[in-house]
Amino acid sequence: MFSIAYPLGDVLLLAVAARLLLGTGVKAVSYGLLALAIVLLLVADPLYSLLSINRISETNPVAIGWMLSYVVFGAAALHPSMRCLRAGARERGAADPAPHRAAYNCRT
């Protein structure tokens, strides 16, 4: 049952990436970082499955791929261009997801 979770998660991740990258609007640097992180995950997960099927216990390249993807996800979230994405949502009239958060009040 759990062996299908990673491939299904990858398909869902691919759909989210397609929605992000094929949508309209200006693509900020954070979009590129998100795309890079998703590509790293989409390479590391099947590589892990392939190594597991062949009973190869050397998974260091896979772990490096996962760690790099998490670092790039963090870099995308912390990049200053992420503010542009929020500003675009505000212009479209999107509701604030959590106005009670202290971080929301610290914006410039």
PDB file of N, CA and C in Angstrom:
ATOM      1  N   MET A   1       0.817  -1.189   0.000  1.00  0.00           N
ATOM      2  CA  MET A   1       0.000   0.000   0.000  1.00  0.00           C
ATOM      3  C   MET A   1       0.867   1.261   0.000  1.00  0.00           C
ATOM      4  N   PHE A   2       1.916   1.278   0.842  1.00  0.00           N
ATOM      5  CA  PHE A   2       2.752   2.463   0.910  1.00  0.00           C
ATOM      6  C   PHE A   2       3.738   2.548  -0.243  1.00  0.00           C
ATOM      7  N   SER A   3       3.952   1.450  -0.937  1.00  0.00           N
ATOM      8  CA  SER A   3       4.910   1.488  -2.044  1.00  0.00           C
ATOM      9  C   SER A   3       4.406   2.331  -3.210  1.00  0.00           C
ATOM     10  N   ILE A   4       3.122   2.569  -3.274  1.00  0.00           N
ATOM     11  CA  ILE A   4       2.570   3.385  -4.349  1.00  0.00           C
ATOM     12  C   ILE A   4       2.498   4.863  -3.955  1.00  0.00           C
ATOM     13  N   ALA A   5       2.769   5.181  -2.694  1.00  0.00           N
ATOM     14  CA  ALA A   5       2.616   6.551  -2.213  1.00  0.00           C
ATOM     15  C   ALA A   5       3.586   7.519  -2.895  1.00  0.00           C
ATOM     16  N   TYR A   6       4.837   7.145  -3.026  1.00  0.00           N
ATOM     17  CA  TYR A   6       5.807   8.051  -3.653  1.00  0.00           C
ATOM     18  C   TYR A   6       5.490   8.308  -5.126  1.00  0.00           C
ATOM     19  N   PRO A   7       5.208   7.290  -5.927  1.00  0.00           N
ATOM     20  CA  PRO A   7       4.853   7.592  -7.319  1.00  0.00           C
ATOM     21  C   PRO A   7       3.587   8.439  -7.448  1.00  0.00           C
ATOM     22  N   LEU A   8       2.593   8.180  -6.611  1.00  0.00           N
ATOM     23  CA  LEU A   8       1.389   9.013  -6.670  1.00  0.00           C
ATOM     24  C   LEU A   8       1.682  10.438  -6.214  1.00  0.00           C
ATOM     25  N   GLY A   9       2.507  10.578  -5.207  1.00  0.00           N
ATOM     26  CA  GLY A   9       2.917  11.912  -4.777  1.00  0.00           C
ATOM     27  C   GLY A   9       3.686  12.644  -5.860  1.00  0.00           C
ATOM     28  N   ASP A  10       4.499  11.912  -6.606  1.00  0.00           N
ATOM     29  CA  ASP A  10       5.248  12.526  -7.702  1.00  0.00           C
ATOM     30  C   ASP A  10       4.323  12.993  -8.821  1.00  0.00           C
ATOM     31  N   VAL A  11       3.288  12.220  -9.103  1.00  0.00           N
ATOM     32  CA  VAL A  11       2.316  12.629 -10.130  1.00  0.00           C
ATOM     33  C   VAL A  11       1.596  13.896  -9.679  1.00  0.00           C
ATOM     34  N   LEU A  12       1.216  13.946  -8.409  1.00  0.00           N
ATOM     35  CA  LEU A  12       0.573  15.144  -7.880  1.00  0.00           C
ATOM     36  C   LEU A  12       1.527  16.334  -7.922  1.00  0.00           C
ATOM     37  N   LEU A  13       2.771  16.106  -7.578  1.00  0.00           N
ATOM     38  CA  LEU A  13       3.778  17.161  -7.621  1.00  0.00           C
ATOM     39  C   LEU A  13       3.998  17.657  -9.043  1.00  0.00           C
ATOM     40  N   LEU A  14       3.978  16.754  -9.990  1.00  0.00           N
ATOM     41  CA  LEU A  14       4.117  17.133 -11.395  1.00  0.00           C
ATOM     42  C   LEU A  14       2.933  17.981 -11.851  1.00  0.00           C
ATOM     43  N   ALA A  15       1.738  17.654 -11.374  1.00  0.00           N
ATOM     44  CA  ALA A  15       0.561  18.457 -11.722  1.00  0.00           C
ATOM     45  C   ALA A  15       0.655  19.858 -11.129  1.00  0.00           C
ATOM     46  N   VAL A  16       1.131  19.955  -9.910  1.00  0.00           N
ATOM     47  CA  VAL A  16       1.301  21.274  -9.282  1.00  0.00           C
ATOM     48  C   VAL A  16       2.355  22.077 -10.034  1.00  0.00           C
ATOM     49  N   ALA A  17       3.445  21.419 -10.417  1.00  0.00           N
ATOM     50  CA  ALA A  17       4.499  22.111 -11.162  1.00  0.00           C
ATOM     51  C   ALA A  17       3.981  22.600 -12.510  1.00  0.00           C
ATOM     52  N   ALA A  18       3.186  21.786 -13.177  1.00  0.00           N
ATOM     53  CA  ALA A  18       2.625  22.204 -14.462  1.00  0.00           C
ATOM     54  C   ALA A  18       1.706  23.405 -14.286  1.00  0.00           C
ATOM     55  N   ARG A  19       0.927  23.399 -13.225  1.00  0.00           N
ATOM     56  CA  ARG A  19       0.029  24.528 -12.955  1.00  0.00           C
ATOM     57  C   ARG A  19       0.819  25.797 -12.673  1.00  0.00           C
ATOM     58  N   LEU A  20       1.896  25.669 -11.919  1.00  0.00           N
ATOM     59  CA  LEU A  20       2.717  26.834 -11.610  1.00  0.00           C
ATOM     60  C   LEU A  20       3.411  27.385 -12.846  1.00  0.00           C
ATOM     61  N   LEU A  21       3.994  26.499 -13.629  1.00  0.00           N
ATOM     62  CA  LEU A  21       4.832  26.944 -14.736  1.00  0.00           C
ATOM     63  C   LEU A  21       4.048  27.299 -15.989  1.00  0.00           C
ATOM     64  N   LEU A  22       2.866  26.741 -16.153  1.00  0.00           N
ATOM     65  CA  LEU A  22       2.087  27.020 -17.356  1.00  0.00           C
ATOM     66  C   LEU A  22       1.041  28.097 -17.144  1.00  0.00           C
ATOM     67  N   GLY A  23       0.937  28.609 -15.940  1.00  0.00           N
ATOM     68  CA  GLY A  23      -0.020  29.672 -15.654  1.00  0.00           C
ATOM     69  C   GLY A  23       0.423  30.981 -16.285  1.00  0.00           C
ATOM     70  N   THR A  24      -0.497  31.917 -16.307  1.00  0.00           N
ATOM     71  CA  THR A  24      -0.181  33.219 -16.889  1.00  0.00           C
ATOM     72  C   THR A  24       0.494  34.097 -15.846  1.00  0.00           C
ATOM     73  N   GLY A  25       1.068  35.157 -16.313  1.00  0.00           N
ATOM     74  CA  GLY A  25       1.704  36.107 -15.407  1.00  0.00           C
ATOM     75  C   GLY A  25       3.211  36.067 -15.509  1.00  0.00           C
ATOM     76  N   VAL A  26       3.817  36.966 -14.769  1.00  0.00           N
ATOM     77  CA  VAL A  26       5.267  37.094 -14.762  1.00  0.00           C
ATOM     78  C   VAL A  26       5.850  35.983 -13.902  1.00  0.00           C
ATOM     79  N   LYS A  27       6.896  35.358 -14.394  1.00  0.00           N
ATOM     80  CA  LYS A  27       7.563  34.295 -13.639  1.00  0.00           C
ATOM     81  C   LYS A  27       8.724  34.897 -12.868  1.00  0.00           C
ATOM     82  N   ALA A  28       8.630  34.851 -11.562  1.00  0.00           N
ATOM     83  CA  ALA A  28       9.679  35.387 -10.699  1.00  0.00           C
ATOM     84  C   ALA A  28      10.770  34.340 -10.506  1.00  0.00           C
ATOM     85  N   VAL A  29      11.852  34.747  -9.889  1.00  0.00           N
ATOM     86  CA  VAL A  29      12.966  33.844  -9.613  1.00  0.00           C
ATOM     87  C   VAL A  29      12.505  32.688  -8.735  1.00  0.00           C
ATOM     88  N   SER A  30      11.599  32.980  -7.819  1.00  0.00           N
ATOM     89  CA  SER A  30      11.122  31.921  -6.932  1.00  0.00           C
ATOM     90  C   SER A  30      10.406  30.822  -7.706  1.00  0.00           C
ATOM     91  N   TYR A  31       9.781  31.144  -8.826  1.00  0.00           N
ATOM     92  CA  TYR A  31       9.190  30.108  -9.677  1.00  0.00           C
ATOM     93  C   TYR A  31      10.268  29.173 -10.214  1.00  0.00           C
ATOM     94  N   GLY A  32      11.371  29.736 -10.662  1.00  0.00           N
ATOM     95  CA  GLY A  32      12.470  28.912 -11.161  1.00  0.00           C
ATOM     96  C   GLY A  32      13.055  28.018 -10.078  1.00  0.00           C
ATOM     97  N   LEU A  33      13.172  28.568  -8.866  1.00  0.00           N
ATOM     98  CA  LEU A  33      13.671  27.760  -7.764  1.00  0.00           C
ATOM     99  C   LEU A  33      12.701  26.646  -7.401  1.00  0.00           C
ATOM    100  N   LEU A  34      11.408  26.937  -7.429  1.00  0.00           N
ATOM    101  CA  LEU A  34      10.412  25.897  -7.177  1.00  0.00           C
ATOM    102  C   LEU A  34      10.491  24.805  -8.238  1.00  0.00           C
ATOM    103  N   ALA A  35      10.646  25.215  -9.487  1.00  0.00           N
ATOM    104  CA  ALA A  35      10.753  24.228 -10.573  1.00  0.00           C
ATOM    105  C   ALA A  35      11.998  23.357 -10.396  1.00  0.00           C
ATOM    106  N   LEU A  36      13.110  23.960 -10.009  1.00  0.00           N
ATOM    107  CA  LEU A  36      14.334  23.200  -9.789  1.00  0.00           C
ATOM    108  C   LEU A  36      14.164  22.204  -8.643  1.00  0.00           C
ATOM    109  N   ALA A  37      13.532  22.635  -7.564  1.00  0.00           N
ATOM    110  CA  ALA A  37      13.307  21.738  -6.429  1.00  0.00           C
ATOM    111  C   ALA A  37      12.409  20.574  -6.822  1.00  0.00           C
ATOM    112  N   ILE A  38      11.394  20.850  -7.611  1.00  0.00           N
ATOM    113  CA  ILE A  38      10.494  19.783  -8.049  1.00  0.00           C
ATOM    114  C   ILE A  38      11.217  18.806  -8.963  1.00  0.00           C
ATOM    115  N   VAL A  39      12.052  19.322  -9.847  1.00  0.00           N
ATOM    116  CA  VAL A  39      12.824  18.436 -10.728  1.00  0.00           C
ATOM    117  C   VAL A  39      13.751  17.550  -9.911  1.00  0.00           C
ATOM    118  N   LEU A  40      14.404  18.125  -8.899  1.00  0.00           N
ATOM    119  CA  LEU A  40      15.271  17.318  -8.045  1.00  0.00           C
ATOM    120  C   LEU A  40      14.496  16.203  -7.351  1.00  0.00           C
ATOM    121  N   LEU A  41      13.306  16.517  -6.868  1.00  0.00           N
ATOM    122  CA  LEU A  41      12.487  15.481  -6.236  1.00  0.00           C
ATOM    123  C   LEU A  41      12.027  14.439  -7.246  1.00  0.00           C
ATOM    124  N   LEU A  42      11.653  14.896  -8.437  1.00  0.00           N
ATOM    125  CA  LEU A  42      11.166  13.966  -9.458  1.00  0.00           C
ATOM    126  C   LEU A  42      12.280  13.092 -10.018  1.00  0.00           C
ATOM    127  N   VAL A  43      13.521  13.450  -9.792  1.00  0.00           N
ATOM    128  CA  VAL A  43      14.649  12.590 -10.174  1.00  0.00           C
ATOM    129  C   VAL A  43      15.019  11.665  -9.020  1.00  0.00           C
ATOM    130  N   ALA A  44      15.003  12.186  -7.803  1.00  0.00           N
ATOM    131  CA  ALA A  44      15.442  11.397  -6.648  1.00  0.00           C
ATOM    132  C   ALA A  44      14.470  10.264  -6.299  1.00  0.00           C
ATOM    133  N   ASP A  45      13.179  10.521  -6.394  1.00  0.00           N
ATOM    134  CA  ASP A  45      12.212   9.492  -6.012  1.00  0.00           C
ATOM    135  C   ASP A  45      12.254   8.258  -6.917  1.00  0.00           C
ATOM    136  N   PRO A  46      12.221   8.406  -8.241  1.00  0.00           N
ATOM    137  CA  PRO A  46      12.333   7.194  -9.069  1.00  0.00           C
ATOM    138  C   PRO A  46      13.695   6.511  -8.947  1.00  0.00           C
ATOM    139  N   LEU A  47      14.740   7.295  -8.708  1.00  0.00           N
ATOM    140  CA  LEU A  47      16.052   6.701  -8.510  1.00  0.00           C
ATOM    141  C   LEU A  47      16.054   5.828  -7.254  1.00  0.00           C
ATOM    142  N   TYR A  48      15.408   6.303  -6.207  1.00  0.00           N
ATOM    143  CA  TYR A  48      15.297   5.502  -4.992  1.00  0.00           C
ATOM    144  C   TYR A  48      14.504   4.216  -5.256  1.00  0.00           C
ATOM    145  N   SER A  49      13.417   4.333  -6.006  1.00  0.00           N
ATOM    146  CA  SER A  49      12.619   3.141  -6.338  1.00  0.00           C
ATOM    147  C   SER A  49      13.441   2.155  -7.147  1.00  0.00           C
ATOM    148  N   LEU A  50      14.190   2.664  -8.096  1.00  0.00           N
ATOM    149  CA  LEU A  50      15.022   1.791  -8.926  1.00  0.00           C
ATOM    150  C   LEU A  50      16.087   1.093  -8.090  1.00  0.00           C
ATOM    151  N   LEU A  51      16.728   1.819  -7.199  1.00  0.00           N
ATOM    152  CA  LEU A  51      17.732   1.209  -6.333  1.00  0.00           C
ATOM    153  C   LEU A  51      17.106   0.196  -5.371  1.00  0.00           C
ATOM    154  N   SER A  52      15.910   0.486  -4.907  1.00  0.00           N
ATOM    155  CA  SER A  52      15.234  -0.443  -4.000  1.00  0.00           C
ATOM    156  C   SER A  52      14.823  -1.721  -4.718  1.00  0.00           C
ATOM    157  N   ILE A  53      14.330  -1.593  -5.934  1.00  0.00           N
ATOM    158  CA  ILE A  53      13.917  -2.771  -6.700  1.00  0.00           C
ATOM    159  C   ILE A  53      15.108  -3.677  -6.966  1.00  0.00           C
ATOM    160  N   ASN A  54      16.253  -3.084  -7.259  1.00  0.00           N
ATOM    161  CA  ASN A  54      17.458  -3.856  -7.541  1.00  0.00           C
ATOM    162  C   ASN A  54      18.222  -4.226  -6.278  1.00  0.00           C
ATOM    163  N   ARG A  55      17.654  -3.924  -5.120  1.00  0.00           N
ATOM    164  CA  ARG A  55      18.229  -4.250  -3.812  1.00  0.00           C
ATOM    165  C   ARG A  55      19.641  -3.688  -3.632  1.00  0.00           C
ATOM    166  N   ILE A  56      19.831  -2.482  -4.102  1.00  0.00           N
ATOM    167  CA  ILE A  56      21.104  -1.787  -3.925  1.00  0.00           C
ATOM    168  C   ILE A  56      20.942  -0.872  -2.715  1.00  0.00           C
ATOM    169  N   SER A  57      21.784  -1.055  -1.731  1.00  0.00           N
ATOM    170  CA  SER A  57      21.614  -0.293  -0.496  1.00  0.00           C
ATOM    171  C   SER A  57      22.323   1.056  -0.522  1.00  0.00           C
ATOM    172  N   GLU A  58      23.021   1.363  -1.558  1.00  0.00           N
ATOM    173  CA  GLU A  58      23.730   2.636  -1.666  1.00  0.00           C
ATOM    174  C   GLU A  58      22.743   3.714  -2.121  1.00  0.00           C
ATOM    175  N   THR A  59      22.222   4.478  -1.182  1.00  0.00           N
ATOM    176  CA  THR A  59      21.234   5.506  -1.509  1.00  0.00           C
ATOM    177  C   THR A  59      21.756   6.918  -1.252  1.00  0.00           C
ATOM    178  N   ASN A  60      23.069   7.096  -1.149  1.00  0.00           N
ATOM    179  CA  ASN A  60      23.619   8.425  -0.904  1.00  0.00           C
ATOM    180  C   ASN A  60      23.259   9.433  -1.993  1.00  0.00           C
ATOM    181  N   PRO A  61      23.315   9.069  -3.285  1.00  0.00           N
ATOM    182  CA  PRO A  61      22.910  10.050  -4.297  1.00  0.00           C
ATOM    183  C   PRO A  61      21.450  10.463  -4.156  1.00  0.00           C
ATOM    184  N   VAL A  62      20.621   9.528  -3.737  1.00  0.00           N
ATOM    185  CA  VAL A  62      19.208   9.845  -3.551  1.00  0.00           C
ATOM    186  C   VAL A  62      19.037  10.802  -2.378  1.00  0.00           C
ATOM    187  N   ALA A  63      19.736  10.536  -1.295  1.00  0.00           N
ATOM    188  CA  ALA A  63      19.647  11.413  -0.129  1.00  0.00           C
ATOM    189  C   ALA A  63      20.152  12.811  -0.457  1.00  0.00           C
ATOM    190  N   ILE A  64      21.199  12.885  -1.250  1.00  0.00           N
ATOM    191  CA  ILE A  64      21.707  14.200  -1.665  1.00  0.00           C
ATOM    192  C   ILE A  64      20.663  14.919  -2.520  1.00  0.00           C
ATOM    193  N   GLY A  65      20.004  14.194  -3.413  1.00  0.00           N
ATOM    194  CA  GLY A  65      18.947  14.797  -4.234  1.00  0.00           C
ATOM    195  C   GLY A  65      17.802  15.320  -3.392  1.00  0.00           C
ATOM    196  N   TRP A  66      17.385  14.532  -2.400  1.00  0.00           N
ATOM    197  CA  TRP A  66      16.309  14.984  -1.517  1.00  0.00           C
ATOM    198  C   TRP A  66      16.734  16.203  -0.717  1.00  0.00           C
ATOM    199  N   MET A  67      17.933  16.167  -0.145  1.00  0.00           N
ATOM    200  CA  MET A  67      18.398  17.301   0.658  1.00  0.00           C
ATOM    201  C   MET A  67      18.520  18.573  -0.186  1.00  0.00           C
ATOM    202  N   LEU A  68      19.056  18.434  -1.398  1.00  0.00           N
ATOM    203  CA  LEU A  68      19.163  19.599  -2.272  1.00  0.00           C
ATOM    204  C   LEU A  68      17.792  20.165  -2.615  1.00  0.00           C
ATOM    205  N   SER A  69      16.830  19.279  -2.853  1.00  0.00           N
ATOM    206  CA  SER A  69      15.488  19.774  -3.182  1.00  0.00           C
ATOM    207  C   SER A  69      14.885  20.527  -2.006  1.00  0.00           C
ATOM    208  N   TYR A  70      15.098  20.048  -0.786  1.00  0.00           N
ATOM    209  CA  TYR A  70      14.568  20.745   0.378  1.00  0.00           C
ATOM    210  C   TYR A  70      15.247  22.097   0.567  1.00  0.00           C
ATOM    211  N   VAL A  71      16.547  22.167   0.313  1.00  0.00           N
ATOM    212  CA  VAL A  71      17.259  23.439   0.418  1.00  0.00           C
ATOM    213  C   VAL A  71      16.748  24.421  -0.640  1.00  0.00           C
ATOM    214  N   VAL A  72      16.517  23.929  -1.843  1.00  0.00           N
ATOM    215  CA  VAL A  72      16.030  24.808  -2.912  1.00  0.00           C
ATOM    216  C   VAL A  72      14.587  25.245  -2.642  1.00  0.00           C
ATOM    217  N   PHE A  73      13.754  24.358  -2.072  1.00  0.00           N
ATOM    218  CA  PHE A  73      12.408  24.774  -1.659  1.00  0.00           C
ATOM    219  C   PHE A  73      12.495  25.907  -0.638  1.00  0.00           C
ATOM    220  N   GLY A  74      13.400  25.779   0.324  1.00  0.00           N
ATOM    221  CA  GLY A  74      13.580  26.830   1.314  1.00  0.00           C
ATOM    222  C   GLY A  74      14.080  28.115   0.696  1.00  0.00           C
ATOM    223  N   ALA A  75      15.004  28.003  -0.258  1.00  0.00           N
ATOM    224  CA  ALA A  75      15.515  29.197  -0.937  1.00  0.00           C
ATOM    225  C   ALA A  75      14.405  29.887  -1.722  1.00  0.00           C
ATOM    226  N   ALA A  76      13.527  29.119  -2.327  1.00  0.00           N
ATOM    227  CA  ALA A  76      12.403  29.703  -3.067  1.00  0.00           C
ATOM    228  C   ALA A  76      11.464  30.440  -2.121  1.00  0.00           C
ATOM    229  N   ALA A  77      11.218  29.846  -0.962  1.00  0.00           N
ATOM    230  CA  ALA A  77      10.321  30.482  -0.003  1.00  0.00           C
ATOM    231  C   ALA A  77      10.915  31.760   0.578  1.00  0.00           C
ATOM    232  N   LEU A  78      12.221  31.790   0.748  1.00  0.00           N
ATOM    233  CA  LEU A  78      12.866  32.946   1.363  1.00  0.00           C
ATOM    234  C   LEU A  78      13.341  33.997   0.371  1.00  0.00           C
ATOM    235  N   HIS A  79      13.256  33.696  -0.920  1.00  0.00           N
ATOM    236  CA  HIS A  79      13.725  34.648  -1.931  1.00  0.00           C
ATOM    237  C   HIS A  79      12.839  35.893  -1.931  1.00  0.00           C
ATOM    238  N   PRO A  80      13.422  37.073  -2.086  1.00  0.00           N
ATOM    239  CA  PRO A  80      12.626  38.305  -2.083  1.00  0.00           C
ATOM    240  C   PRO A  80      11.560  38.366  -3.175  1.00  0.00           C
ATOM    241  N   SER A  81      11.745  37.646  -4.263  1.00  0.00           N
ATOM    242  CA  SER A  81      10.738  37.687  -5.326  1.00  0.00           C
ATOM    243  C   SER A  81       9.448  36.994  -4.917  1.00  0.00           C
ATOM    244  N   MET A  82       9.451  36.271  -3.813  1.00  0.00           N
ATOM    245  CA  MET A  82       8.217  35.635  -3.346  1.00  0.00           C
ATOM    246  C   MET A  82       7.186  36.682  -2.948  1.00  0.00           C
ATOM    247  N   ARG A  83       7.649  37.866  -2.552  1.00  0.00           N
ATOM    248  CA  ARG A  83       6.715  38.950  -2.234  1.00  0.00           C
ATOM    249  C   ARG A  83       5.893  39.356  -3.441  1.00  0.00           C
ATOM    250  N   CYS A  84       6.504  39.303  -4.624  1.00  0.00           N
ATOM    251  CA  CYS A  84       5.782  39.663  -5.845  1.00  0.00           C
ATOM    252  C   CYS A  84       4.609  38.720  -6.077  1.00  0.00           C
ATOM    253  N   LEU A  85       4.792  37.459  -5.739  1.00  0.00           N
ATOM    254  CA  LEU A  85       3.719  36.493  -5.919  1.00  0.00           C
ATOM    255  C   LEU A  85       2.549  36.826  -5.011  1.00  0.00           C
ATOM    256  N   ARG A  86       2.842  37.207  -3.787  1.00  0.00           N
ATOM    257  CA  ARG A  86       1.776  37.571  -2.850  1.00  0.00           C
ATOM    258  C   ARG A  86       1.108  38.863  -3.288  1.00  0.00           C
ATOM    259  N   ALA A  87       1.889  39.813  -3.790  1.00  0.00           N
ATOM    260  CA  ALA A  87       1.312  41.075  -4.252  1.00  0.00           C
ATOM    261  C   ALA A  87       0.383  40.830  -5.427  1.00  0.00           C
ATOM    262  N   GLY A  88       0.733  39.914  -6.307  1.00  0.00           N
ATOM    263  CA  GLY A  88      -0.138  39.583  -7.437  1.00  0.00           C
ATOM    264  C   GLY A  88      -1.452  39.002  -6.972  1.00  0.00           C
ATOM    265  N   ALA A  89      -1.425  38.166  -5.946  1.00  0.00           N
ATOM    266  CA  ALA A  89      -2.654  37.588  -5.418  1.00  0.00           C
ATOM    267  C   ALA A  89      -3.507  38.670  -4.765  1.00  0.00           C
ATOM    268  N   ARG A  90      -2.875  39.627  -4.115  1.00  0.00           N
ATOM    269  CA  ARG A  90      -3.614  40.710  -3.477  1.00  0.00           C
ATOM    270  C   ARG A  90      -4.314  41.568  -4.535  1.00  0.00           C
ATOM    271  N   GLU A  91      -3.648  41.799  -5.678  1.00  0.00           N
ATOM    272  CA  GLU A  91      -4.248  42.594  -6.744  1.00  0.00           C
ATOM    273  C   GLU A  91      -5.439  41.893  -7.368  1.00  0.00           C
ATOM    274  N   ARG A  92      -5.402  40.558  -7.391  1.00  0.00           N
ATOM    275  CA  ARG A  92      -6.518  39.801  -7.952  1.00  0.00           C
ATOM    276  C   ARG A  92      -7.678  39.690  -6.973  1.00  0.00           C
ATOM    277  N   GLY A  93      -7.481  40.162  -5.746  1.00  0.00           N
ATOM    278  CA  GLY A  93      -8.553  40.131  -4.770  1.00  0.00           C
ATOM    279  C   GLY A  93      -8.617  38.849  -3.973  1.00  0.00           C
ATOM    280  N   ALA A  94      -7.529  38.105  -3.928  1.00  0.00           N
ATOM    281  CA  ALA A  94      -7.521  36.872  -3.155  1.00  0.00           C
ATOM    282  C   ALA A  94      -7.548  37.203  -1.667  1.00  0.00           C
ATOM    283  N   ALA A  95      -8.215  36.364  -0.912  1.00  0.00           N
ATOM    284  CA  ALA A  95      -8.318  36.580   0.532  1.00  0.00           C
ATOM    285  C   ALA A  95      -6.991  36.251   1.206  1.00  0.00           C
ATOM    286  N   ASP A  96      -6.710  36.920   2.300  1.00  0.00           N
ATOM    287  CA  ASP A  96      -5.516  36.625   3.077  1.00  0.00           C
ATOM    288  C   ASP A  96      -5.683  35.268   3.745  1.00  0.00           C
ATOM    289  N   PRO A  97      -4.674  34.394   3.631  1.00  0.00           N
ATOM    290  CA  PRO A  97      -4.830  33.057   4.206  1.00  0.00           C
ATOM    291  C   PRO A  97      -4.858  33.052   5.720  1.00  0.00           C
ATOM    292  N   ALA A  98      -4.122  33.931   6.348  1.00  0.00           N
ATOM    293  CA  ALA A  98      -4.089  33.965   7.812  1.00  0.00           C
ATOM    294  C   ALA A  98      -3.648  35.346   8.278  1.00  0.00           C
ATOM    295  N   PRO A  99      -4.537  36.296   8.314  1.00  0.00           N
ATOM    296  CA  PRO A  99      -4.118  37.658   8.684  1.00  0.00           C
ATOM    297  C   PRO A  99      -3.701  37.787  10.143  1.00  0.00           C
ATOM    298  N   HIS A 100      -3.991  36.794  10.957  1.00  0.00           N
ATOM    299  CA  HIS A 100      -3.654  36.879  12.369  1.00  0.00           C
ATOM    300  C   HIS A 100      -2.199  36.510  12.651  1.00  0.00           C
ATOM    301  N   ARG A 101      -1.479  36.032  11.676  1.00  0.00           N
ATOM    302  CA  ARG A 101      -0.087  35.646  11.890  1.00  0.00           C
ATOM    303  C   ARG A 101       0.789  36.873  12.074  1.00  0.00           C
ATOM    304  N   ALA A 102       1.746  36.750  12.983  1.00  0.00           N
ATOM    305  CA  ALA A 102       2.656  37.866  13.244  1.00  0.00           C
ATOM    306  C   ALA A 102       3.541  38.156  12.036  1.00  0.00           C
ATOM    307  N   ALA A 103       3.920  37.110  11.302  1.00  0.00           N
ATOM    308  CA  ALA A 103       4.769  37.302  10.128  1.00  0.00           C
ATOM    309  C   ALA A 103       4.051  38.139   9.072  1.00  0.00           C
ATOM    310  N   TYR A 104       2.746  38.003   8.996  1.00  0.00           N
ATOM    311  CA  TYR A 104       1.968  38.773   8.025  1.00  0.00           C
ATOM    312  C   TYR A 104       2.077  40.258   8.335  1.00  0.00           C
ATOM    313  N   ASN A 105       2.116  40.608   9.610  1.00  0.00           N
ATOM    314  CA  ASN A 105       2.178  42.008  10.004  1.00  0.00           C
ATOM    315  C   ASN A 105       3.557  42.601   9.833  1.00  0.00           C
ATOM    316  N   CYS A 106       4.586  41.777   9.601  1.00  0.00           N
ATOM    317  CA  CYS A 106       5.955  42.260   9.463  1.00  0.00           C
ATOM    318  C   CYS A 106       6.326  42.579   8.027  1.00  0.00           C
ATOM    319  N   ARG A 107       5.419  42.484   7.110  1.00  0.00           N
ATOM    320  CA  ARG A 107       5.763  42.727   5.700  1.00  0.00           C
ATOM    321  C   ARG A 107       6.049  44.200   5.481  1.00  0.00           C
ATOM    322  N   THR A 108       6.771  44.476   4.398  1.00  0.00           N
ATOM    323  CA  THR A 108       7.139  45.867   4.108  1.00  0.00           C
ATOM    324  C   THR A 108       6.372  46.379   2.933  1.00  0.00           C
TER     325      THR A 108
END
